[in-house]
PDB file of N, CA and C in Angstrom:
ATOM      1  N   MET A   1      95.783  98.273 123.185  1.00  0.00           N
ATOM      2  CA  MET A   1      95.184  97.020 122.095  1.00  0.00           C
ATOM      3  C   MET A   1      93.329  97.024 121.617  1.00  0.00           C
ATOM      4  N   ASP A   2      93.236  96.574 120.923  1.00  0.00           N
ATOM      5  CA  ASP A   2      91.474  97.232 120.630  1.00  0.00           C
ATOM      6  C   ASP A   2      91.565  95.567 120.265  1.00  0.00           C
ATOM      7  N   SER A   3      90.106  95.176 120.213  1.00  0.00           N
ATOM      8  CA  SER A   3      90.105  93.408 120.252  1.00  0.00           C
ATOM      9  C   SER A   3      91.090  93.332 119.177  1.00  0.00           C
ATOM     10  N   ASP A   4      91.307  93.335 117.823  1.00  0.00           N
ATOM     11  CA  ASP A   4      91.300  92.841 116.858  1.00  0.00           C
ATOM     12  C   ASP A   4      93.390  92.663 117.298  1.00  0.00           C
ATOM     13  N   GLY A   5      94.079  93.357 117.998  1.00  0.00           N
ATOM     14  CA  GLY A   5      95.225  92.940 118.201  1.00  0.00           C
ATOM     15  C   GLY A   5      96.552  94.082 118.904  1.00  0.00           C
ATOM     16  N   GLU A   6      95.928  95.055 117.419  1.00  0.00           N
ATOM     17  CA  GLU A   6      96.642  95.621 117.021  1.00  0.00           C
ATOM     18  C   GLU A   6      95.977  97.311 118.315  1.00  0.00           C
ATOM     19  N   ARG A   7      97.161  97.620 117.653  1.00  0.00           N
ATOM     20  CA  ARG A   7      97.142  98.979 118.804  1.00  0.00           C
ATOM     21  C   ARG A   7      95.929 100.211 118.322  1.00  0.00           C
ATOM     22  N   SER A   8      95.185 100.489 119.261  1.00  0.00           N
ATOM     23  CA  SER A   8      94.749 101.839 119.085  1.00  0.00           C
ATOM     24  C   SER A   8      95.333 102.924 118.660  1.00  0.00           C
ATOM     25  N   THR A   9      95.431 103.975 117.707  1.00  0.00           N
ATOM     26  CA  THR A   9      96.293 104.554 117.417  1.00  0.00           C
ATOM     27  C   THR A   9      95.351 105.801 117.642  1.00  0.00           C
ATOM     28  N   GLY A  10      94.022 106.279 117.558  1.00  0.00           N
ATOM     29  CA  GLY A  10      92.890 107.124 117.326  1.00  0.00           C
ATOM     30  C   GLY A  10      91.867 106.566 116.640  1.00  0.00           C
ATOM     31  N   SER A  11      90.962 107.392 116.118  1.00  0.00           N
ATOM     32  CA  SER A  11      89.728 107.214 115.334  1.00  0.00           C
ATOM     33  C   SER A  11      90.049 106.417 113.859  1.00  0.00           C
ATOM     34  N   ARG A  12      89.213 105.479 113.773  1.00  0.00           N
ATOM     35  CA  ARG A  12      89.617 105.025 111.557  1.00  0.00           C
ATOM     36  C   ARG A  12      88.141 105.620 110.937  1.00  0.00           C
ATOM     37  N   GLN A  13      88.422 105.800 110.181  1.00  0.00           N
ATOM     38  CA  GLN A  13      87.548 105.433 108.928  1.00  0.00           C
ATOM     39  C   GLN A  13      87.087 104.490 108.240  1.00  0.00           C
ATOM     40  N   ALA A  14      86.150 104.046 108.505  1.00  0.00           N
ATOM     41  CA  ALA A  14      85.769 102.949 107.315  1.00  0.00           C
ATOM     42  C   ALA A  14      85.420 103.159 106.031  1.00  0.00           C
ATOM     43  N   LEU A  15      85.938 102.190 105.300  1.00  0.00           N
ATOM     44  CA  LEU A  15      85.128 102.456 104.082  1.00  0.00           C
ATOM     45  C   LEU A  15      85.526 101.097 103.653  1.00  0.00           C
ATOM     46  N   ASP A  16      84.654 100.837 102.256  1.00  0.00           N
ATOM     47  CA  ASP A  16      84.739 100.550 101.034  1.00  0.00           C
ATOM     48  C   ASP A  16      85.585  99.870  99.992  1.00  0.00           C
ATOM     49  N   GLY A  17      85.788  98.559  99.642  1.00  0.00           N
ATOM     50  CA  GLY A  17      86.638  98.659  98.408  1.00  0.00           C
ATOM     51  C   GLY A  17      86.652  97.449  97.603  1.00  0.00           C
ATOM     52  N   ALA A  18      87.656  97.266  96.435  1.00  0.00           N
ATOM     53  CA  ALA A  18      87.790  95.845  95.903  1.00  0.00           C
ATOM     54  C   ALA A  18      89.472  96.064  96.291  1.00  0.00           C
ATOM     55  N   VAL A  19      89.805  94.437  95.789  1.00  0.00           N
ATOM     56  CA  VAL A  19      91.405  94.285  95.973  1.00  0.00           C
ATOM     57  C   VAL A  19      91.380  94.641  95.015  1.00  0.00           C
ATOM     58  N   THR A  20      92.500  94.526  93.961  1.00  0.00           N
ATOM     59  CA  THR A  20      93.405  95.015  92.825  1.00  0.00           C
ATOM     60  C   THR A  20      94.429  93.790  92.581  1.00  0.00           C
ATOM     61  N   GLU A  21      95.162  93.783  93.387  1.00  0.00           N
ATOM     62  CA  GLU A  21      96.309  93.203  93.708  1.00  0.00           C
ATOM     63  C   GLU A  21      96.787  92.754  94.980  1.00  0.00           C
ATOM     64  N   GLN A  22      97.375  91.690  94.692  1.00  0.00           N
ATOM     65  CA  GLN A  22      97.947  90.476  95.922  1.00  0.00           C
ATOM     66  C   GLN A  22      99.869  91.144  95.946  1.00  0.00           C
ATOM     67  N   LEU A  23     100.326  91.862  97.206  1.00  0.00           N
ATOM     68  CA  LEU A  23     101.520  91.721  97.041  1.00  0.00           C
ATOM     69  C   LEU A  23     102.440  91.335  98.090  1.00  0.00           C
ATOM     70  N   PRO A  24     103.312  91.088  97.761  1.00  0.00           N
ATOM     71  CA  PRO A  24     104.046  90.481  99.125  1.00  0.00           C
ATOM     72  C   PRO A  24     104.092  90.684 100.545  1.00  0.00           C
ATOM     73  N   SER A  25     104.393  90.150 101.107  1.00  0.00           N
ATOM     74  CA  SER A  25     104.104  90.335 102.605  1.00  0.00           C
ATOM     75  C   SER A  25     102.620  90.137 103.274  1.00  0.00           C
ATOM     76  N   GLY A  26     102.217  89.244 102.177  1.00  0.00           N
ATOM     77  CA  GLY A  26     100.240  89.756 103.117  1.00  0.00           C
ATOM     78  C   GLY A  26      99.880  91.399 102.621  1.00  0.00           C
ATOM     79  N   LEU A  27     100.368  92.062 101.831  1.00  0.00           N
ATOM     80  CA  LEU A  27      99.621  93.367 101.712  1.00  0.00           C
ATOM     81  C   LEU A  27      99.322  93.066 100.272  1.00  0.00           C
ATOM     82  N   TYR A  28      98.144  94.178 100.390  1.00  0.00           N
ATOM     83  CA  TYR A  28      96.753  93.945  99.096  1.00  0.00           C
ATOM     84  C   TYR A  28      97.047  95.588  99.006  1.00  0.00           C
ATOM     85  N   ARG A  29      96.746  95.221  97.305  1.00  0.00           N
ATOM     86  CA  ARG A  29      96.384  96.953  97.072  1.00  0.00           C
ATOM     87  C   ARG A  29      94.911  96.997  96.746  1.00  0.00           C
ATOM     88  N   VAL A  30      94.275  98.141  97.586  1.00  0.00           N
ATOM     89  CA  VAL A  30      92.292  98.326  97.275  1.00  0.00           C
ATOM     90  C   VAL A  30      92.391  99.337  97.136  1.00  0.00           C
ATOM     91  N   ARG A  31      91.286  99.740  95.905  1.00  0.00           N
ATOM     92  CA  ARG A  31      90.580 100.605  95.312  1.00  0.00           C
ATOM     93  C   ARG A  31      89.920 101.120  95.861  1.00  0.00           C
ATOM     94  N   LEU A  32      89.308 101.793  96.287  1.00  0.00           N
ATOM     95  CA  LEU A  32      88.120 102.572  97.409  1.00  0.00           C
ATOM     96  C   LEU A  32      87.043 102.623  96.681  1.00  0.00           C
ATOM     97  N   ASP A  33      86.069 102.951  97.293  1.00  0.00           N
ATOM     98  CA  ASP A  33      84.374 103.271  96.590  1.00  0.00           C
ATOM     99  C   ASP A  33      84.487 104.665  96.064  1.00  0.00           C
ATOM    100  N   GLU A  34      85.469 105.673  96.808  1.00  0.00           N
ATOM    101  CA  GLU A  34      86.048 106.773  96.514  1.00  0.00           C
ATOM    102  C   GLU A  34      87.048 107.187  95.638  1.00  0.00           C
ATOM    103  N   GLY A  35      87.736 106.439  94.711  1.00  0.00           N
ATOM    104  CA  GLY A  35      88.150 107.097  93.887  1.00  0.00           C
ATOM    105  C   GLY A  35      90.309 106.396  94.312  1.00  0.00           C
ATOM    106  N   PRO A  36      90.602 106.786  95.161  1.00  0.00           N
ATOM    107  CA  PRO A  36      92.306 106.768  95.407  1.00  0.00           C
ATOM    108  C   PRO A  36      92.287 105.212  95.606  1.00  0.00           C
ATOM    109  N   GLN A  37      93.778 104.680  95.446  1.00  0.00           N
ATOM    110  CA  GLN A  37      94.037 103.111  95.900  1.00  0.00           C
ATOM    111  C   GLN A  37      94.894 103.383  97.116  1.00  0.00           C
ATOM    112  N   ILE A  38      94.994 101.893  97.864  1.00  0.00           N
ATOM    113  CA  ILE A  38      95.576 101.972  99.064  1.00  0.00           C
ATOM    114  C   ILE A  38      96.241 100.801  99.664  1.00  0.00           C
ATOM    115  N   VAL A  39      97.191 100.573 100.047  1.00  0.00           N
ATOM    116  CA  VAL A  39      98.097  99.609 100.470  1.00  0.00           C
ATOM    117  C   VAL A  39      97.074  99.321 102.009  1.00  0.00           C
ATOM    118  N   ALA A  40      96.749  97.784 102.014  1.00  0.00           N
ATOM    119  CA  ALA A  40      95.782  97.176 103.357  1.00  0.00           C
ATOM    120  C   ALA A  40      96.926  95.944 103.748  1.00  0.00           C
ATOM    121  N   HIS A  41      96.587  95.309 104.584  1.00  0.00           N
ATOM    122  CA  HIS A  41      97.106  94.548 105.405  1.00  0.00           C
ATOM    123  C   HIS A  41      95.363  93.864 106.342  1.00  0.00           C
ATOM    124  N   VAL A  42      95.528  92.325 106.378  1.00  0.00           N
ATOM    125  CA  VAL A  42      94.373  91.535 106.947  1.00  0.00           C
ATOM    126  C   VAL A  42      94.806  91.788 108.469  1.00  0.00           C
ATOM    127  N   ALA A  43      93.252  92.276 109.254  1.00  0.00           N
ATOM    128  CA  ALA A  43      93.163  92.497 110.503  1.00  0.00           C
ATOM    129  C   ALA A  43      93.315  90.945 110.876  1.00  0.00           C
ATOM    130  N   ASP A  44      94.119  90.290 112.041  1.00  0.00           N
ATOM    131  CA  ASP A  44      94.258  89.701 112.850  1.00  0.00           C
ATOM    132  C   ASP A  44      92.668  88.573 113.193  1.00  0.00           C
ATOM    133  N   ARG A  45      91.606  89.739 113.337  1.00  0.00           N
ATOM    134  CA  ARG A  45      90.368  88.546 113.337  1.00  0.00           C
ATOM    135  C   ARG A  45      90.016  87.900 112.099  1.00  0.00           C
ATOM    136  N   ILE A  46      90.220  88.352 110.907  1.00  0.00           N
ATOM    137  CA  ILE A  46      89.761  87.989 109.610  1.00  0.00           C
ATOM    138  C   ILE A  46      90.842  86.671 109.488  1.00  0.00           C
ATOM    139  N   ASP A  47      92.804  86.560 109.604  1.00  0.00           N
ATOM    140  CA  ASP A  47      93.581  85.802 109.767  1.00  0.00           C
ATOM    141  C   ASP A  47      93.474  84.559 110.581  1.00  0.00           C
ATOM    142  N   ARG A  48      92.846  85.086 111.956  1.00  0.00           N
ATOM    143  CA  ARG A  48      92.223  84.098 112.893  1.00  0.00           C
ATOM    144  C   ARG A  48      91.475  82.901 112.073  1.00  0.00           C
ATOM    145  N   ASN A  49      90.651  83.175 111.728  1.00  0.00           N
ATOM    146  CA  ASN A  49      89.654  82.282 111.115  1.00  0.00           C
ATOM    147  C   ASN A  49      89.915  82.303 109.398  1.00  0.00           C
ATOM    148  N   PHE A  50      91.040  81.701 109.070  1.00  0.00           N
ATOM    149  CA  PHE A  50      91.176  81.850 107.901  1.00  0.00           C
ATOM    150  C   PHE A  50      90.207  82.150 106.432  1.00  0.00           C
ATOM    151  N   VAL A  51      89.994  83.657 106.541  1.00  0.00           N
ATOM    152  CA  VAL A  51      89.620  84.208 105.571  1.00  0.00           C
ATOM    153  C   VAL A  51      90.127  84.492 104.968  1.00  0.00           C
ATOM    154  N   ARG A  52      89.948  83.833 103.844  1.00  0.00           N
ATOM    155  CA  ARG A  52      90.851  84.189 102.066  1.00  0.00           C
ATOM    156  C   ARG A  52      90.543  85.242 101.312  1.00  0.00           C
ATOM    157  N   VAL A  53      91.367  86.300 100.963  1.00  0.00           N
ATOM    158  CA  VAL A  53      91.098  87.355 100.322  1.00  0.00           C
ATOM    159  C   VAL A  53      91.847  87.379  98.906  1.00  0.00           C
ATOM    160  N   LEU A  54      90.888  87.266  98.136  1.00  0.00           N
ATOM    161  CA  LEU A  54      91.311  87.238  96.702  1.00  0.00           C
ATOM    162  C   LEU A  54      91.214  88.233  95.988  1.00  0.00           C
ATOM    163  N   VAL A  55      92.095  88.820  94.684  1.00  0.00           N
ATOM    164  CA  VAL A  55      91.368  89.847  94.140  1.00  0.00           C
ATOM    165  C   VAL A  55      90.451  89.684  93.222  1.00  0.00           C
ATOM    166  N   GLY A  56      89.742  91.070  93.138  1.00  0.00           N
ATOM    167  CA  GLY A  56      88.308  91.048  92.825  1.00  0.00           C
ATOM    168  C   GLY A  56      87.253  90.627  94.190  1.00  0.00           C
ATOM    169  N   ASP A  57      87.754  90.753  95.320  1.00  0.00           N
ATOM    170  CA  ASP A  57      86.797  90.697  96.035  1.00  0.00           C
ATOM    171  C   ASP A  57      86.459  91.911  97.261  1.00  0.00           C
ATOM    172  N   ARG A  58      85.588  92.538  97.465  1.00  0.00           N
ATOM    173  CA  ARG A  58      84.883  93.588  97.693  1.00  0.00           C
ATOM    174  C   ARG A  58      85.497  93.827  98.839  1.00  0.00           C
ATOM    175  N   VAL A  59      85.823  94.456  99.907  1.00  0.00           N
ATOM    176  CA  VAL A  59      86.331  94.427 101.505  1.00  0.00           C
ATOM    177  C   VAL A  59      85.921  95.938 101.852  1.00  0.00           C
ATOM    178  N   ARG A  60      85.836  95.958 103.788  1.00  0.00           N
ATOM    179  CA  ARG A  60      85.577  96.858 104.224  1.00  0.00           C
ATOM    180  C   ARG A  60      87.533  96.907 105.070  1.00  0.00           C
ATOM    181  N   VAL A  61      87.790  98.336 104.570  1.00  0.00           N
ATOM    182  CA  VAL A  61      88.764  98.971 105.022  1.00  0.00           C
ATOM    183  C   VAL A  61      88.713 100.026 105.851  1.00  0.00           C
ATOM    184  N   GLU A  62      89.876  99.921 107.029  1.00  0.00           N
ATOM    185  CA  GLU A  62      89.947 100.987 108.294  1.00  0.00           C
ATOM    186  C   GLU A  62      91.067 101.809 107.589  1.00  0.00           C
ATOM    187  N   ILE A  63      91.107 102.680 107.966  1.00  0.00           N
ATOM    188  CA  ILE A  63      92.012 103.679 107.449  1.00  0.00           C
ATOM    189  C   ILE A  63      92.099 104.731 108.941  1.00  0.00           C
ATOM    190  N   ALA A  64      93.655 104.891 108.827  1.00  0.00           N
ATOM    191  CA  ALA A  64      94.340 105.771 110.404  1.00  0.00           C
ATOM    192  C   ALA A  64      94.189 106.762 109.597  1.00  0.00           C
ATOM    193  N   GLU A  65      93.607 108.003 110.867  1.00  0.00           N
ATOM    194  CA  GLU A  65      93.652 109.264 110.349  1.00  0.00           C
ATOM    195  C   GLU A  65      95.337 109.654 109.922  1.00  0.00           C
ATOM    196  N   ARG A  66      96.662 109.059 110.423  1.00  0.00           N
ATOM    197  CA  ARG A  66      97.578 109.673 110.595  1.00  0.00           C
ATOM    198  C   ARG A  66      98.472 109.167 108.870  1.00  0.00           C
ATOM    199  N   ASP A  67      97.637 108.585 108.307  1.00  0.00           N
ATOM    200  CA  ASP A  67      98.416 107.896 106.911  1.00  0.00           C
ATOM    201  C   ASP A  67      97.867 107.374 105.966  1.00  0.00           C
ATOM    202  N   VAL A  68      96.937 108.196 105.691  1.00  0.00           N
ATOM    203  CA  VAL A  68      95.328 107.696 104.585  1.00  0.00           C
ATOM    204  C   VAL A  68      95.765 106.619 103.461  1.00  0.00           C
ATOM    205  N   THR A  69      97.129 106.408 103.090  1.00  0.00           N
ATOM    206  CA  THR A  69      97.689 105.349 102.058  1.00  0.00           C
ATOM    207  C   THR A  69      97.235 104.174 102.811  1.00  0.00           C
ATOM    208  N   ARG A  70      97.554 103.805 103.719  1.00  0.00           N
ATOM    209  CA  ARG A  70      97.647 102.440 104.451  1.00  0.00           C
ATOM    210  C   ARG A  70      96.927 101.965 105.061  1.00  0.00           C
ATOM    211  N   GLY A  71      95.868 100.853 105.335  1.00  0.00           N
ATOM    212  CA  GLY A  71      95.032 100.774 105.946  1.00  0.00           C
ATOM    213  C   GLY A  71      94.366  98.999 106.483  1.00  0.00           C
ATOM    214  N   ARG A  72      93.579  99.195 106.941  1.00  0.00           N
ATOM    215  CA  ARG A  72      93.702  97.443 107.445  1.00  0.00           C
ATOM    216  C   ARG A  72      92.360  96.556 106.715  1.00  0.00           C
ATOM    217  N   ILE A  73      92.337  95.490 106.112  1.00  0.00           N
ATOM    218  CA  ILE A  73      91.286  95.083 105.870  1.00  0.00           C
ATOM    219  C   ILE A  73      90.560  94.683 106.607  1.00  0.00           C
ATOM    220  N   VAL A  74      89.615  94.749 107.498  1.00  0.00           N
ATOM    221  CA  VAL A  74      88.334  94.294 108.397  1.00  0.00           C
ATOM    222  C   VAL A  74      87.207  93.083 108.712  1.00  0.00           C
ATOM    223  N   ALA A  75      86.767  93.369 106.941  1.00  0.00           N
ATOM    224  CA  ALA A  75      85.953  92.244 106.584  1.00  0.00           C
ATOM    225  C   ALA A  75      85.918  92.126 105.247  1.00  0.00           C
ATOM    226  N   ARG A  76      85.315  91.000 105.084  1.00  0.00           N
ATOM    227  CA  ARG A  76      85.165  90.798 103.814  1.00  0.00           C
ATOM    228  C   ARG A  76      83.828  90.899 103.073  1.00  0.00           C
ATOM    229  N   LEU A  77      82.992  92.109 102.027  1.00  0.00           N
ATOM    230  CA  LEU A  77      81.926  91.665 102.207  1.00  0.00           C
ATOM    231  C   LEU A  77      81.196  91.071 100.940  1.00  0.00           C
TER     232      LEU A  77
END
């Protein structure tokens, strides 16, 4: 596990984007600056500190190599 309390599955790529939609079960649709949309959840590190993520917020998302359509929000910019 990494410092965020989640399993480390290899190298992750961090990209910036904007939240476009809030989905059920704590998921968010994020449009990356490079164009594609992904589905992301909030990392435990942010959730513990009660950081609220709203539609329109700029966020940094880590994307795993295995599935590039899913990621986790690690910072609010």
